[in-house]
Amino acid sequence: MQPPIALQVLYSGILPIGIGVHEDRLEVPFGTSVRELLAMLSERHGEPFREAMFVVGDLVPNAILIALGREIRHGRGLDLPLEHSGRVEIILLPAASGGG
């Protein structure tokens, strides 16, 4: 059995305004997926995190996730297993709006 992995989760863009923090440090089980990590962070930060990051259960298009140096929206994306300690960056850009 693998030991848990230590993660530094950095929040930037407009997300820290809603959740009130710029960083979390936590340990997760080896092989935890990015999707599972987001569920853990939703539990930790509650409704402000969920409302900012998800629409009908899907990640909002203005969110950028970088897990252990890789942008993870493409390929295996949210199902990427986290298999070593490191940094996860969650960047929430302001939503684009139409011009008039």
Protein backbone atom coordinates (compact mmCIF):
# COMPACT_ATOMS: atom_id res chain seq x y z
CA MET A 1 0.00 0.00 0.00
CA GLN A 2 1.32 3.41 -1.02
CA PRO A 3 1.61 6.20 1.57
CA PRO A 4 -0.65 9.26 1.22
CA ILE A 5 0.58 12.12 -0.92
CA ALA A 6 0.98 15.71 0.22
CA LEU A 7 -0.56 18.38 -1.99
CA GLN A 8 -0.26 22.13 -2.03
CA VAL A 9 -3.42 23.50 -3.67
CA LEU A 10 -3.07 27.08 -4.90
CA TYR A 11 -6.14 29.16 -5.80
CA SER A 12 -5.90 32.17 -8.07
CA GLY A 13 -7.98 34.37 -10.32
CA ILE A 14 -11.36 35.17 -8.76
CA LEU A 15 -11.66 31.94 -6.73
CA PRO A 16 -9.88 33.18 -3.55
CA ILE A 17 -12.40 36.02 -3.32
CA GLY A 18 -15.27 33.53 -3.02
CA ILE A 19 -13.67 30.95 -0.74
CA GLY A 20 -11.51 33.26 1.37
CA VAL A 21 -8.17 31.44 1.00
CA HIS A 22 -5.31 31.37 -1.49
CA GLU A 23 -3.86 28.00 -0.54
CA ASP A 24 -4.60 24.66 1.10
CA ARG A 25 -2.21 21.92 2.13
CA LEU A 26 -3.61 18.44 2.50
CA GLU A 27 -2.79 14.76 2.26
CA VAL A 28 -4.83 12.49 0.02
CA PRO A 29 -4.64 8.76 -0.62
CA PHE A 30 -2.21 7.68 -3.36
CA GLY A 31 -4.05 7.50 -6.69
CA THR A 32 -6.82 9.95 -5.75
CA SER A 33 -8.18 11.41 -8.99
CA VAL A 34 -8.39 15.13 -9.65
CA ARG A 35 -12.18 14.67 -9.69
CA GLU A 36 -12.03 13.17 -6.18
CA LEU A 37 -9.74 15.99 -5.04
CA LEU A 38 -12.28 18.55 -6.29
CA ALA A 39 -15.00 16.73 -4.32
CA MET A 40 -12.82 16.94 -1.18
CA LEU A 41 -12.25 20.65 -1.76
CA SER A 42 -16.01 21.12 -2.28
CA GLU A 43 -16.59 19.55 1.13
CA ARG A 44 -13.89 21.72 2.71
CA HIS A 45 -15.03 25.05 1.19
CA GLY A 46 -18.74 24.35 0.76
CA GLU A 47 -21.21 26.11 -1.46
CA PRO A 48 -18.95 29.03 -2.51
CA PHE A 49 -16.48 26.55 -4.07
CA ARG A 50 -19.19 24.43 -5.71
CA GLU A 51 -21.00 27.46 -7.16
CA ALA A 52 -17.78 28.91 -8.56
CA MET A 53 -16.38 25.68 -10.01
CA PHE A 54 -19.36 23.65 -11.27
CA VAL A 55 -22.47 24.05 -13.39
CA VAL A 56 -24.85 21.07 -13.25
CA GLY A 57 -21.97 18.87 -12.05
CA ASP A 58 -19.56 19.88 -14.82
CA LEU A 59 -16.46 21.99 -14.40
CA VAL A 60 -17.07 25.57 -15.55
CA PRO A 61 -15.30 26.49 -18.81
CA ASN A 62 -13.42 29.41 -17.22
CA ALA A 63 -11.60 27.11 -14.75
CA ILE A 64 -8.02 26.06 -15.42
CA LEU A 65 -6.57 23.16 -13.44
CA ILE A 66 -2.88 22.33 -13.40
CA ALA A 67 -2.08 19.15 -11.50
CA LEU A 68 1.57 18.30 -10.84
CA GLY A 69 2.67 20.48 -13.75
CA ARG A 70 0.07 19.28 -16.30
CA GLU A 71 -3.04 21.10 -17.51
CA ILE A 72 -5.62 18.40 -16.95
CA ARG A 73 -8.78 19.45 -18.77
CA HIS A 74 -7.71 17.40 -21.82
CA GLY A 75 -6.89 13.70 -22.13
CA ARG A 76 -7.71 11.83 -18.93
CA GLY A 77 -8.53 15.18 -17.39
CA LEU A 78 -10.41 14.95 -14.14
CA ASP A 79 -9.76 11.21 -13.89
CA LEU A 80 -5.99 11.71 -13.74
CA PRO A 81 -4.67 9.84 -10.67
CA LEU A 82 -2.44 11.84 -8.35
CA GLU A 83 0.52 9.58 -7.71
CA HIS A 84 3.14 11.84 -6.16
CA SER A 85 3.30 14.88 -3.93
CA GLY A 86 3.30 18.32 -5.50
CA ARG A 87 1.25 21.33 -6.45
CA VAL A 88 -2.24 21.61 -7.85
CA GLU A 89 -3.25 25.02 -9.19
CA ILE A 90 -6.87 26.00 -9.62
CA ILE A 91 -7.31 29.20 -11.58
CA LEU A 92 -10.78 30.66 -12.03
CA LEU A 93 -10.94 33.39 -14.64
CA PRO A 94 -13.82 35.86 -14.74
CA ALA A 95 -16.60 34.53 -16.95
CA ALA A 96 -16.64 36.07 -20.40
CA SER A 97 -19.70 38.10 -21.24
CA GLY A 98 -21.04 39.32 -24.53
CA GLY A 99 -20.49 42.90 -25.65
CA GLY A 100 -23.23 45.20 -26.56
